[in-house]
Amino acid sequence: MKRINCRKCEYYFVTWEANKPHGCKAYGFKSPQIPSLVVFQSSGSDCSMFKQKTMAK
């Protein structure tokens, strides 16, 4: 089973909060875990909001 890598998603961000270092702009939350794991644990489905980051040229 392949997991979604949030660090490659446009909606992922790193917070300044030590107890919640990972954030998701699409779902609007911060978490101590990678957002895709939180989404999977709460819904039983993989994240449907993943959007691959585009590289600047």
N, C-alpha and C. Protein backbone atom coordinates (compact mmCIF):
# COMPACT_ATOMS: atom_id res chain seq x y z
N MET A 1 0.84 -1.18 0.00
CA MET A 1 0.00 0.00 0.00
C MET A 1 0.89 1.25 0.00
N LYS A 2 0.71 2.13 -0.96
CA LYS A 2 1.51 3.34 -1.08
C LYS A 2 0.81 4.49 -0.37
N ARG A 3 1.55 5.18 0.47
CA ARG A 3 1.02 6.33 1.21
C ARG A 3 1.29 7.63 0.44
N ILE A 4 0.42 8.57 0.63
CA ILE A 4 0.58 9.88 0.02
C ILE A 4 1.67 10.65 0.78
N ASN A 5 2.58 11.26 0.03
CA ASN A 5 3.65 12.05 0.62
C ASN A 5 3.21 13.51 0.67
N CYS A 6 2.73 13.94 1.82
CA CYS A 6 2.22 15.30 1.99
C CYS A 6 3.26 16.36 1.65
N ARG A 7 4.52 16.07 1.85
CA ARG A 7 5.56 17.06 1.59
C ARG A 7 5.65 17.42 0.11
N LYS A 8 5.04 16.62 -0.74
CA LYS A 8 5.02 16.90 -2.18
C LYS A 8 3.69 17.52 -2.61
N CYS A 9 2.86 17.89 -1.65
CA CYS A 9 1.53 18.44 -1.94
C CYS A 9 1.54 19.96 -1.78
N GLU A 10 0.81 20.65 -2.65
CA GLU A 10 0.72 22.11 -2.58
C GLU A 10 0.07 22.59 -1.29
N TYR A 11 -0.77 21.79 -0.67
CA TYR A 11 -1.52 22.20 0.52
C TYR A 11 -0.78 21.96 1.84
N TYR A 12 0.32 21.25 1.79
CA TYR A 12 1.09 20.95 3.00
C TYR A 12 1.91 22.16 3.43
N PHE A 13 1.98 22.38 4.74
CA PHE A 13 2.86 23.42 5.26
C PHE A 13 3.40 23.00 6.63
N VAL A 14 4.55 23.58 6.99
CA VAL A 14 5.18 23.33 8.27
C VAL A 14 4.79 24.49 9.19
N THR A 15 4.35 24.17 10.40
CA THR A 15 3.93 25.21 11.34
C THR A 15 5.07 25.54 12.29
N TRP A 16 4.87 26.55 13.10
CA TRP A 16 5.83 26.94 14.13
C TRP A 16 5.50 26.29 15.46
N GLU A 17 4.42 25.53 15.52
CA GLU A 17 3.98 24.91 16.76
C GLU A 17 4.71 23.58 16.97
N ALA A 18 5.42 23.47 18.08
CA ALA A 18 6.21 22.27 18.35
C ALA A 18 5.33 21.03 18.51
N ASN A 19 4.13 21.18 19.05
CA ASN A 19 3.26 20.01 19.26
C ASN A 19 2.38 19.70 18.04
N LYS A 20 2.35 20.60 17.05
CA LYS A 20 1.60 20.37 15.81
C LYS A 20 2.40 20.92 14.64
N PRO A 21 3.45 20.21 14.25
CA PRO A 21 4.36 20.75 13.22
C PRO A 21 3.89 20.61 11.77
N HIS A 22 2.83 19.82 11.52
CA HIS A 22 2.37 19.58 10.15
C HIS A 22 1.00 20.20 9.94
N GLY A 23 0.80 20.82 8.78
CA GLY A 23 -0.49 21.44 8.49
C GLY A 23 -0.98 21.13 7.10
N CYS A 24 -2.30 21.25 6.93
CA CYS A 24 -2.93 21.03 5.63
C CYS A 24 -3.86 22.20 5.35
N LYS A 25 -3.58 22.95 4.30
CA LYS A 25 -4.41 24.09 3.93
C LYS A 25 -5.74 23.64 3.33
N ALA A 26 -5.76 22.50 2.64
CA ALA A 26 -6.98 22.01 2.01
C ALA A 26 -8.04 21.63 3.04
N TYR A 27 -7.62 20.94 4.09
CA TYR A 27 -8.56 20.52 5.12
C TYR A 27 -8.60 21.48 6.31
N GLY A 28 -7.64 22.38 6.38
CA GLY A 28 -7.63 23.40 7.42
C GLY A 28 -7.32 22.92 8.82
N PHE A 29 -6.29 22.09 8.97
CA PHE A 29 -5.91 21.65 10.31
C PHE A 29 -4.40 21.54 10.45
N LYS A 30 -3.96 21.50 11.70
CA LYS A 30 -2.56 21.26 12.07
C LYS A 30 -2.53 20.01 12.92
N SER A 31 -1.43 19.26 12.85
CA SER A 31 -1.38 17.97 13.52
C SER A 31 0.04 17.57 13.88
N PRO A 32 0.19 16.71 14.89
CA PRO A 32 1.52 16.17 15.18
C PRO A 32 1.93 15.10 14.15
N GLN A 33 0.96 14.59 13.40
CA GLN A 33 1.22 13.57 12.38
C GLN A 33 1.10 14.19 10.99
N ILE A 34 1.66 13.50 10.00
CA ILE A 34 1.51 13.91 8.61
C ILE A 34 0.01 13.93 8.27
N PRO A 35 -0.49 14.98 7.62
CA PRO A 35 -1.92 15.09 7.37
C PRO A 35 -2.57 13.90 6.66
N SER A 36 -1.88 13.28 5.73
CA SER A 36 -2.49 12.14 5.02
C SER A 36 -2.80 10.99 5.96
N LEU A 37 -1.99 10.82 7.02
CA LEU A 37 -2.26 9.77 8.01
C LEU A 37 -3.50 10.12 8.84
N VAL A 38 -3.64 11.39 9.20
CA VAL A 38 -4.81 11.84 9.96
C VAL A 38 -6.08 11.62 9.14
N VAL A 39 -6.04 11.99 7.85
CA VAL A 39 -7.20 11.82 6.97
C VAL A 39 -7.54 10.34 6.85
N PHE A 40 -6.53 9.50 6.66
CA PHE A 40 -6.79 8.06 6.51
C PHE A 40 -7.36 7.46 7.80
N GLN A 41 -6.81 7.86 8.94
CA GLN A 41 -7.30 7.32 10.22
C GLN A 41 -8.73 7.76 10.52
N SER A 42 -9.09 8.96 10.14
CA SER A 42 -10.43 9.46 10.47
C SER A 42 -11.49 9.06 9.44
N SER A 43 -11.09 8.88 8.18
CA SER A 43 -12.08 8.56 7.15
C SER A 43 -11.99 7.14 6.60
N GLY A 44 -10.82 6.52 6.74
CA GLY A 44 -10.62 5.19 6.16
C GLY A 44 -10.26 5.24 4.69
N SER A 45 -10.13 6.46 4.14
CA SER A 45 -9.79 6.64 2.72
C SER A 45 -8.53 7.48 2.60
N ASP A 46 -7.84 7.31 1.48
CA ASP A 46 -6.68 8.16 1.21
C ASP A 46 -7.14 9.59 0.96
N CYS A 47 -6.26 10.53 1.14
CA CYS A 47 -6.57 11.94 0.94
C CYS A 47 -6.99 12.18 -0.52
N SER A 48 -8.12 12.84 -0.70
CA SER A 48 -8.61 13.13 -2.05
C SER A 48 -8.24 14.54 -2.51
N MET A 49 -7.59 15.30 -1.63
CA MET A 49 -7.24 16.69 -1.94
C MET A 49 -5.78 16.84 -2.39
N PHE A 50 -5.02 15.75 -2.45
CA PHE A 50 -3.61 15.83 -2.82
C PHE A 50 -3.46 16.48 -4.18
N LYS A 51 -2.56 17.46 -4.25
CA LYS A 51 -2.24 18.14 -5.50
C LYS A 51 -0.73 18.28 -5.57
N GLN A 52 -0.12 17.63 -6.54
CA GLN A 52 1.34 17.64 -6.70
C GLN A 52 1.85 19.07 -6.85
N LYS A 53 2.92 19.41 -6.10
CA LYS A 53 3.55 20.72 -6.21
C LYS A 53 4.12 20.87 -7.61
N THR A 54 4.03 22.07 -8.14
CA THR A 54 4.67 22.35 -9.43
C THR A 54 6.00 23.02 -9.14
N MET A 55 6.99 22.68 -9.88
CA MET A 55 8.32 23.21 -9.70
C MET A 55 8.45 24.54 -10.45
N ALA A 56 9.00 25.54 -9.80
CA ALA A 56 9.22 26.84 -10.43
C ALA A 56 10.35 26.72 -11.45
N LYS A 57 10.18 27.41 -12.56
CA LYS A 57 11.20 27.35 -13.61
C LYS A 57 12.05 28.57 -13.61
